[in-house]
PDB file of all heavy atoms in Angstrom:
ATOM      1  N   ASP A   1       8.525  -3.799  -2.955  1.00  0.00           N
ATOM      2  CA  ASP A   1       8.154  -3.485  -4.394  1.00  0.00           C
ATOM      3  C   ASP A   1       6.588  -3.310  -4.512  1.00  0.00           C
ATOM      4  O   ASP A   1       6.159  -2.370  -5.161  1.00  0.00           O
ATOM      5  CB  ASP A   1       8.625  -4.518  -5.330  1.00  0.00           C
ATOM      6  CG  ASP A   1      10.178  -4.546  -5.455  1.00  0.00           C
ATOM      7  OD1 ASP A   1      10.860  -3.560  -5.118  1.00  0.00           O
ATOM      8  OD2 ASP A   1      10.646  -5.600  -5.905  1.00  0.00           O
ATOM      9  N   ALA A   2       5.904  -4.147  -3.857  1.00  0.00           N
ATOM     10  CA  ALA A   2       4.467  -4.111  -3.909  1.00  0.00           C
ATOM     11  C   ALA A   2       3.921  -2.777  -3.255  1.00  0.00           C
ATOM     12  O   ALA A   2       3.017  -2.160  -3.744  1.00  0.00           O
ATOM     13  CB  ALA A   2       3.811  -5.314  -3.238  1.00  0.00           C
ATOM     14  N   ILE A   3       4.531  -2.389  -2.155  1.00  0.00           N
ATOM     15  CA  ILE A   3       4.190  -1.183  -1.470  1.00  0.00           C
ATOM     16  C   ILE A   3       4.419   0.015  -2.354  1.00  0.00           C
ATOM     17  O   ILE A   3       3.540   0.904  -2.479  1.00  0.00           O
ATOM     18  CB  ILE A   3       4.959  -0.995  -0.122  1.00  0.00           C
ATOM     19  CG1 ILE A   3       4.436  -2.074   0.895  1.00  0.00           C
ATOM     20  CG2 ILE A   3       4.830   0.368   0.402  1.00  0.00           C
ATOM     21  CD1 ILE A   3       5.362  -2.205   2.172  1.00  0.00           C
ATOM     22  N   ASP A   4       5.570   0.045  -3.017  1.00  0.00           N
ATOM     23  CA  ASP A   4       5.916   1.204  -3.928  1.00  0.00           C
ATOM     24  C   ASP A   4       4.851   1.242  -5.045  1.00  0.00           C
ATOM     25  O   ASP A   4       4.308   2.351  -5.324  1.00  0.00           O
ATOM     26  CB  ASP A   4       7.266   0.970  -4.560  1.00  0.00           C
ATOM     27  CG  ASP A   4       8.367   1.162  -3.549  1.00  0.00           C
ATOM     28  OD1 ASP A   4       8.179   1.702  -2.449  1.00  0.00           O
ATOM     29  OD2 ASP A   4       9.497   0.666  -3.890  1.00  0.00           O
ATOM     30  N   GLY A   5       4.452   0.088  -5.508  1.00  0.00           N
ATOM     31  CA  GLY A   5       3.466   0.098  -6.639  1.00  0.00           C
ATOM     32  C   GLY A   5       2.063   0.526  -6.139  1.00  0.00           C
ATOM     33  O   GLY A   5       1.462   1.327  -6.855  1.00  0.00           O
ATOM     34  N   ILE A   6       1.647   0.049  -4.978  1.00  0.00           N
ATOM     35  CA  ILE A   6       0.258   0.360  -4.596  1.00  0.00           C
ATOM     36  C   ILE A   6       0.248   1.822  -4.126  1.00  0.00           C
ATOM     37  O   ILE A   6      -0.760   2.525  -4.213  1.00  0.00           O
ATOM     38  CB  ILE A   6      -0.258  -0.601  -3.527  1.00  0.00           C
ATOM     39  CG1 ILE A   6      -1.748  -0.427  -3.284  1.00  0.00           C
ATOM     40  CG2 ILE A   6       0.420  -0.429  -2.164  1.00  0.00           C
ATOM     41  CD1 ILE A   6      -2.566  -0.703  -4.523  1.00  0.00           C
ATOM     42  N   LEU A   7       1.393   2.326  -3.585  1.00  0.00           N
ATOM     43  CA  LEU A   7       1.364   3.774  -3.179  1.00  0.00           C
ATOM     44  C   LEU A   7       1.243   4.679  -4.432  1.00  0.00           C
ATOM     45  O   LEU A   7       0.576   5.759  -4.420  1.00  0.00           O
ATOM     46  CB  LEU A   7       2.650   4.090  -2.400  1.00  0.00           C
ATOM     47  CG  LEU A   7       2.565   3.635  -0.988  1.00  0.00           C
ATOM     48  CD1 LEU A   7       3.997   3.907  -0.307  1.00  0.00           C
ATOM     49  CD2 LEU A   7       1.500   4.252  -0.181  1.00  0.00           C
ATOM     50  N   GLU A   8       1.876   4.246  -5.527  1.00  0.00           N
ATOM     51  CA  GLU A   8       1.746   5.018  -6.746  1.00  0.00           C
ATOM     52  C   GLU A   8       0.283   4.957  -7.267  1.00  0.00           C
ATOM     53  O   GLU A   8      -0.170   5.971  -7.686  1.00  0.00           O
ATOM     54  CB  GLU A   8       2.735   4.425  -7.808  1.00  0.00           C
ATOM     55  CG  GLU A   8       2.774   5.245  -9.069  1.00  0.00           C
ATOM     56  CD  GLU A   8       3.338   6.649  -8.848  1.00  0.00           C
ATOM     57  OE1 GLU A   8       4.194   6.814  -7.972  1.00  0.00           O
ATOM     58  OE2 GLU A   8       2.793   7.606  -9.457  1.00  0.00           O
ATOM     59  N   VAL A   9      -0.271   3.782  -7.223  1.00  0.00           N
ATOM     60  CA  VAL A   9      -1.738   3.651  -7.547  1.00  0.00           C
ATOM     61  C   VAL A   9      -2.563   4.545  -6.673  1.00  0.00           C
ATOM     62  O   VAL A   9      -3.503   5.245  -7.128  1.00  0.00           O
ATOM     63  CB  VAL A   9      -2.187   2.255  -7.531  1.00  0.00           C
ATOM     64  CG1 VAL A   9      -3.693   2.098  -7.616  1.00  0.00           C
ATOM     65  CG2 VAL A   9      -1.480   1.420  -8.592  1.00  0.00           C
ATOM     66  N   ALA A  10      -2.280   4.585  -5.409  1.00  0.00           N
ATOM     67  CA  ALA A  10      -3.093   5.317  -4.392  1.00  0.00           C
ATOM     68  C   ALA A  10      -2.921   6.811  -4.700  1.00  0.00           C
ATOM     69  O   ALA A  10      -3.919   7.555  -4.709  1.00  0.00           O
ATOM     70  CB  ALA A  10      -2.624   5.007  -3.027  1.00  0.00           C
ATOM     71  N   LYS A  11      -1.724   7.238  -5.016  1.00  0.00           N
ATOM     72  CA  LYS A  11      -1.600   8.652  -5.304  1.00  0.00           C
ATOM     73  C   LYS A  11      -2.306   9.056  -6.576  1.00  0.00           C
ATOM     74  O   LYS A  11      -2.875  10.152  -6.710  1.00  0.00           O
ATOM     75  CB  LYS A  11      -0.013   8.972  -5.506  1.00  0.00           C
ATOM     76  CG  LYS A  11       0.771   8.919  -4.190  1.00  0.00           C
ATOM     77  CD  LYS A  11       2.235   9.167  -4.448  1.00  0.00           C
ATOM     78  CE  LYS A  11       3.012   8.906  -3.172  1.00  0.00           C
ATOM     79  NZ  LYS A  11       4.474   9.010  -3.482  1.00  0.00           N
ATOM     80  N   GLN A  12      -2.270   8.241  -7.642  1.00  0.00           N
ATOM     81  CA  GLN A  12      -2.914   8.514  -8.859  1.00  0.00           C
ATOM     82  C   GLN A  12      -4.411   8.493  -8.749  1.00  0.00           C
ATOM     83  O   GLN A  12      -5.109   9.319  -9.349  1.00  0.00           O
ATOM     84  CB  GLN A  12      -2.417   7.582  -9.980  1.00  0.00           C
ATOM     85  CG  GLN A  12      -0.983   7.828 -10.358  1.00  0.00           C
ATOM     86  CD  GLN A  12      -0.492   6.821 -11.384  1.00  0.00           C
ATOM     87  OE1 GLN A  12      -1.151   6.050 -11.954  1.00  0.00           O
ATOM     88  NE2 GLN A  12       0.807   6.982 -11.742  1.00  0.00           N
ATOM     89  N   SER A  13      -4.898   7.522  -8.077  1.00  0.00           N
ATOM     90  CA  SER A  13      -6.370   7.402  -7.957  1.00  0.00           C
ATOM     91  C   SER A  13      -7.013   8.187  -6.834  1.00  0.00           C
ATOM     92  O   SER A  13      -8.166   8.467  -6.879  1.00  0.00           O
ATOM     93  CB  SER A  13      -6.787   5.902  -7.841  1.00  0.00           C
ATOM     94  OG  SER A  13      -6.352   5.388  -6.580  1.00  0.00           O
ATOM     95  N   ASP A  14      -6.258   8.385  -5.799  1.00  0.00           N
ATOM     96  CA  ASP A  14      -6.692   9.007  -4.524  1.00  0.00           C
ATOM     97  C   ASP A  14      -7.901   8.270  -3.941  1.00  0.00           C
ATOM     98  O   ASP A  14      -8.793   8.843  -3.423  1.00  0.00           O
ATOM     99  CB  ASP A  14      -7.032  10.496  -4.785  1.00  0.00           C
ATOM    100  CG  ASP A  14      -7.027  11.275  -3.534  1.00  0.00           C
ATOM    101  OD1 ASP A  14      -6.175  10.858  -2.576  1.00  0.00           O
ATOM    102  OD2 ASP A  14      -7.766  12.223  -3.399  1.00  0.00           O
ATOM    103  N   HIS A  15      -7.898   6.948  -4.228  1.00  0.00           N
ATOM    104  CA  HIS A  15      -9.022   6.121  -3.732  1.00  0.00           C
ATOM    105  C   HIS A  15      -8.687   5.554  -2.352  1.00  0.00           C
ATOM    106  O   HIS A  15      -7.617   4.982  -2.104  1.00  0.00           O
ATOM    107  CB  HIS A  15      -9.308   4.967  -4.681  1.00  0.00           C
ATOM    108  CG  HIS A  15     -10.574   4.263  -4.495  1.00  0.00           C
ATOM    109  ND1 HIS A  15     -10.719   3.275  -3.607  1.00  0.00           N
ATOM    110  CD2 HIS A  15     -11.735   4.405  -5.112  1.00  0.00           C
ATOM    111  CE1 HIS A  15     -12.001   2.878  -3.630  1.00  0.00           C
ATOM    112  NE2 HIS A  15     -12.646   3.596  -4.529  1.00  0.00           N
ATOM    113  N   PRO A  16      -9.581   5.685  -1.425  1.00  0.00           N
ATOM    114  CA  PRO A  16      -9.335   5.114  -0.040  1.00  0.00           C
ATOM    115  C   PRO A  16      -8.944   3.712   0.039  1.00  0.00           C
ATOM    116  O   PRO A  16      -8.138   3.388   0.895  1.00  0.00           O
ATOM    117  CB  PRO A  16     -10.659   5.404   0.687  1.00  0.00           C
ATOM    118  CG  PRO A  16     -11.329   6.487  -0.103  1.00  0.00           C
ATOM    119  CD  PRO A  16     -10.934   6.278  -1.455  1.00  0.00           C
ATOM    120  N   ARG A  17      -9.553   2.904  -0.818  1.00  0.00           N
ATOM    121  CA  ARG A  17      -9.225   1.463  -0.810  1.00  0.00           C
ATOM    122  C   ARG A  17      -7.718   1.247  -1.112  1.00  0.00           C
ATOM    123  O   ARG A  17      -7.047   0.321  -0.586  1.00  0.00           O
ATOM    124  CB  ARG A  17     -10.088   0.742  -1.765  1.00  0.00           C
ATOM    125  CG  ARG A  17      -9.855  -0.766  -1.867  1.00  0.00           C
ATOM    126  CD  ARG A  17     -10.199  -1.578  -0.640  1.00  0.00           C
ATOM    127  NE  ARG A  17      -9.861  -2.937  -0.859  1.00  0.00           N
ATOM    128  CZ  ARG A  17      -9.343  -3.743   0.031  1.00  0.00           C
ATOM    129  NH1 ARG A  17      -9.085  -3.275   1.250  1.00  0.00           N
ATOM    130  NH2 ARG A  17      -9.055  -4.979  -0.224  1.00  0.00           N
ATOM    131  N   SER A  18      -7.204   2.027  -2.045  1.00  0.00           N
ATOM    132  CA  SER A  18      -5.721   1.836  -2.402  1.00  0.00           C
ATOM    133  C   SER A  18      -4.884   2.114  -1.214  1.00  0.00           C
ATOM    134  O   SER A  18      -3.892   1.417  -0.928  1.00  0.00           O
ATOM    135  CB  SER A  18      -5.363   2.877  -3.496  1.00  0.00           C
ATOM    136  OG  SER A  18      -6.148   2.524  -4.637  1.00  0.00           O
ATOM    137  N   TYR A  19      -5.302   3.139  -0.346  1.00  0.00           N
ATOM    138  CA  TYR A  19      -4.417   3.479   0.776  1.00  0.00           C
ATOM    139  C   TYR A  19      -4.652   2.339   1.891  1.00  0.00           C
ATOM    140  O   TYR A  19      -3.692   2.045   2.552  1.00  0.00           O
ATOM    141  CB  TYR A  19      -4.902   4.823   1.351  1.00  0.00           C
ATOM    142  CG  TYR A  19      -4.347   5.935   0.549  1.00  0.00           C
ATOM    143  CD1 TYR A  19      -5.195   6.597  -0.389  1.00  0.00           C
ATOM    144  CD2 TYR A  19      -3.043   6.356   0.635  1.00  0.00           C
ATOM    145  CE1 TYR A  19      -4.695   7.668  -1.168  1.00  0.00           C
ATOM    146  CE2 TYR A  19      -2.447   7.361  -0.151  1.00  0.00           C
ATOM    147  CZ  TYR A  19      -3.384   8.001  -1.084  1.00  0.00           C
ATOM    148  OH  TYR A  19      -2.827   9.028  -1.825  1.00  0.00           O
ATOM    149  N   GLU A  20      -5.831   1.733   1.927  1.00  0.00           N
ATOM    150  CA  GLU A  20      -6.030   0.691   2.839  1.00  0.00           C
ATOM    151  C   GLU A  20      -5.116  -0.515   2.512  1.00  0.00           C
ATOM    152  O   GLU A  20      -4.496  -1.162   3.324  1.00  0.00           O
ATOM    153  CB  GLU A  20      -7.542   0.291   2.858  1.00  0.00           C
ATOM    154  CG  GLU A  20      -7.872  -0.775   3.791  1.00  0.00           C
ATOM    155  CD  GLU A  20      -9.305  -1.292   3.680  1.00  0.00           C
ATOM    156  OE1 GLU A  20     -10.098  -0.581   2.979  1.00  0.00           O
ATOM    157  OE2 GLU A  20      -9.656  -2.280   4.339  1.00  0.00           O
ATOM    158  N   VAL A  21      -5.107  -0.844   1.225  1.00  0.00           N
ATOM    159  CA  VAL A  21      -4.292  -1.945   0.737  1.00  0.00           C
ATOM    160  C   VAL A  21      -2.815  -1.631   1.074  1.00  0.00           C
ATOM    161  O   VAL A  21      -2.062  -2.536   1.539  1.00  0.00           O
ATOM    162  CB  VAL A  21      -4.460  -2.229  -0.762  1.00  0.00           C
ATOM    163  CG1 VAL A  21      -3.450  -3.204  -1.299  1.00  0.00           C
ATOM    164  CG2 VAL A  21      -5.899  -2.771  -1.019  1.00  0.00           C
ATOM    165  N   ALA A  22      -2.407  -0.438   0.801  1.00  0.00           N
ATOM    166  CA  ALA A  22      -1.025  -0.027   1.119  1.00  0.00           C
ATOM    167  C   ALA A  22      -0.731  -0.215   2.576  1.00  0.00           C
ATOM    168  O   ALA A  22       0.365  -0.746   2.923  1.00  0.00           O
ATOM    169  CB  ALA A  22      -0.731   1.450   0.646  1.00  0.00           C
ATOM    170  N   GLY A  23      -1.645   0.265   3.420  1.00  0.00           N
ATOM    171  CA  GLY A  23      -1.443   0.064   4.918  1.00  0.00           C
ATOM    172  C   GLY A  23      -1.306  -1.429   5.286  1.00  0.00           C
ATOM    173  O   GLY A  23      -0.535  -1.710   6.115  1.00  0.00           O
ATOM    174  N   ASN A  24      -2.137  -2.227   4.710  1.00  0.00           N
ATOM    175  CA  ASN A  24      -2.077  -3.681   4.923  1.00  0.00           C
ATOM    176  C   ASN A  24      -0.697  -4.276   4.491  1.00  0.00           C
ATOM    177  O   ASN A  24      -0.088  -5.113   5.209  1.00  0.00           O
ATOM    178  CB  ASN A  24      -3.247  -4.398   4.279  1.00  0.00           C
ATOM    179  CG  ASN A  24      -4.517  -4.147   4.917  1.00  0.00           C
ATOM    180  OD1 ASN A  24      -4.662  -3.768   6.125  1.00  0.00           O
ATOM    181  ND2 ASN A  24      -5.661  -4.305   4.165  1.00  0.00           N
ATOM    182  N   LEU A  25      -0.322  -3.881   3.306  1.00  0.00           N
ATOM    183  CA  LEU A  25       1.019  -4.364   2.868  1.00  0.00           C
ATOM    184  C   LEU A  25       2.152  -3.929   3.835  1.00  0.00           C
ATOM    185  O   LEU A  25       3.067  -4.714   4.088  1.00  0.00           O
ATOM    186  CB  LEU A  25       1.267  -3.869   1.447  1.00  0.00           C
ATOM    187  CG  LEU A  25       0.601  -4.629   0.288  1.00  0.00           C
ATOM    188  CD1 LEU A  25       0.762  -3.900  -1.004  1.00  0.00           C
ATOM    189  CD2 LEU A  25       1.140  -6.104   0.237  1.00  0.00           C
ATOM    190  N   ILE A  26       2.075  -2.708   4.206  1.00  0.00           N
ATOM    191  CA  ILE A  26       3.108  -2.224   5.082  1.00  0.00           C
ATOM    192  C   ILE A  26       3.146  -2.973   6.420  1.00  0.00           C
ATOM    193  O   ILE A  26       4.211  -3.388   6.888  1.00  0.00           O
ATOM    194  CB  ILE A  26       2.933  -0.713   5.377  1.00  0.00           C
ATOM    195  CG1 ILE A  26       3.237   0.062   4.158  1.00  0.00           C
ATOM    196  CG2 ILE A  26       3.771  -0.209   6.567  1.00  0.00           C
ATOM    197  CD1 ILE A  26       2.802   1.539   4.162  1.00  0.00           C
ATOM    198  N   SER A  27       1.987  -3.278   6.954  1.00  0.00           N
ATOM    199  CA  SER A  27       1.854  -4.153   8.169  1.00  0.00           C
ATOM    200  C   SER A  27       2.476  -5.542   7.936  1.00  0.00           C
ATOM    201  O   SER A  27       3.097  -6.070   8.760  1.00  0.00           O
ATOM    202  CB  SER A  27       0.382  -4.211   8.641  1.00  0.00           C
ATOM    203  OG  SER A  27      -0.028  -3.016   9.036  1.00  0.00           O
ATOM    204  N   GLN A  28       2.127  -6.108   6.725  1.00  0.00           N
ATOM    205  CA  GLN A  28       2.600  -7.435   6.480  1.00  0.00           C
ATOM    206  C   GLN A  28       4.115  -7.545   6.316  1.00  0.00           C
ATOM    207  O   GLN A  28       4.725  -8.426   6.885  1.00  0.00           O
ATOM    208  CB  GLN A  28       1.862  -7.974   5.235  1.00  0.00           C
ATOM    209  CG  GLN A  28       0.448  -8.241   5.438  1.00  0.00           C
ATOM    210  CD  GLN A  28      -0.319  -8.553   4.177  1.00  0.00           C
ATOM    211  OE1 GLN A  28       0.264  -8.524   3.039  1.00  0.00           O
ATOM    212  NE2 GLN A  28      -1.593  -8.925   4.306  1.00  0.00           N
ATOM    213  N   VAL A  29       4.665  -6.460   5.649  1.00  0.00           N
ATOM    214  CA  VAL A  29       6.145  -6.455   5.578  1.00  0.00           C
ATOM    215  C   VAL A  29       6.792  -6.283   6.943  1.00  0.00           C
ATOM    216  O   VAL A  29       7.790  -6.876   7.270  1.00  0.00           O
ATOM    217  CB  VAL A  29       6.587  -5.396   4.591  1.00  0.00           C
ATOM    218  CG1 VAL A  29       8.083  -5.122   4.650  1.00  0.00           C
ATOM    219  CG2 VAL A  29       6.164  -5.709   3.143  1.00  0.00           C
ATOM    220  N   ALA A  30       6.172  -5.443   7.739  1.00  0.00           N
ATOM    221  CA  ALA A  30       6.662  -5.245   9.119  1.00  0.00           C
ATOM    222  C   ALA A  30       6.664  -6.576   9.867  1.00  0.00           C
ATOM    223  O   ALA A  30       7.567  -6.905  10.625  1.00  0.00           O
ATOM    224  CB  ALA A  30       5.863  -4.168   9.810  1.00  0.00           C
ATOM    225  N   GLU A  31       5.533  -7.352   9.728  1.00  0.00           N
ATOM    226  CA  GLU A  31       5.480  -8.686  10.423  1.00  0.00           C
ATOM    227  C   GLU A  31       6.563  -9.607   9.957  1.00  0.00           C
ATOM    228  O   GLU A  31       7.162 -10.316  10.791  1.00  0.00           O
ATOM    229  CB  GLU A  31       4.093  -9.251  10.158  1.00  0.00           C
ATOM    230  CG  GLU A  31       2.936  -8.574  10.872  1.00  0.00           C
ATOM    231  CD  GLU A  31       1.612  -9.146  10.535  1.00  0.00           C
ATOM    232  OE1 GLU A  31       1.516 -10.276  10.035  1.00  0.00           O
ATOM    233  OE2 GLU A  31       0.607  -8.419  10.811  1.00  0.00           O
ATOM    234  N   VAL A  32       6.848  -9.680   8.706  1.00  0.00           N
ATOM    235  CA  VAL A  32       7.856 -10.524   8.145  1.00  0.00           C
ATOM    236  C   VAL A  32       9.218 -10.070   8.666  1.00  0.00           C
ATOM    237  O   VAL A  32      10.044 -10.911   9.042  1.00  0.00           O
ATOM    238  CB  VAL A  32       7.892 -10.584   6.637  1.00  0.00           C
ATOM    239  CG1 VAL A  32       9.089 -11.399   6.092  1.00  0.00           C
ATOM    240  CG2 VAL A  32       6.608 -11.181   6.107  1.00  0.00           C
ATOM    241  N   THR A  33       9.434  -8.771   8.741  1.00  0.00           N
ATOM    242  CA  THR A  33      10.709  -8.248   9.253  1.00  0.00           C
ATOM    243  C   THR A  33      10.814  -8.635  10.750  1.00  0.00           C
ATOM    244  O   THR A  33      11.926  -9.016  11.096  1.00  0.00           O
ATOM    245  CB  THR A  33      10.711  -6.711   9.093  1.00  0.00           C
ATOM    246  OG1 THR A  33      10.549  -6.350   7.738  1.00  0.00           O
ATOM    247  CG2 THR A  33      12.064  -6.121   9.610  1.00  0.00           C
TER     248      THR A  33
END
């Protein structure tokens, strides 16, 4: 859910930091998996 939210923010803002946060969340979810 957090990934979906931050990806939406990243698309709307097109800010590099948003994409960095999304990448980190994806990695963290992969680690938990």
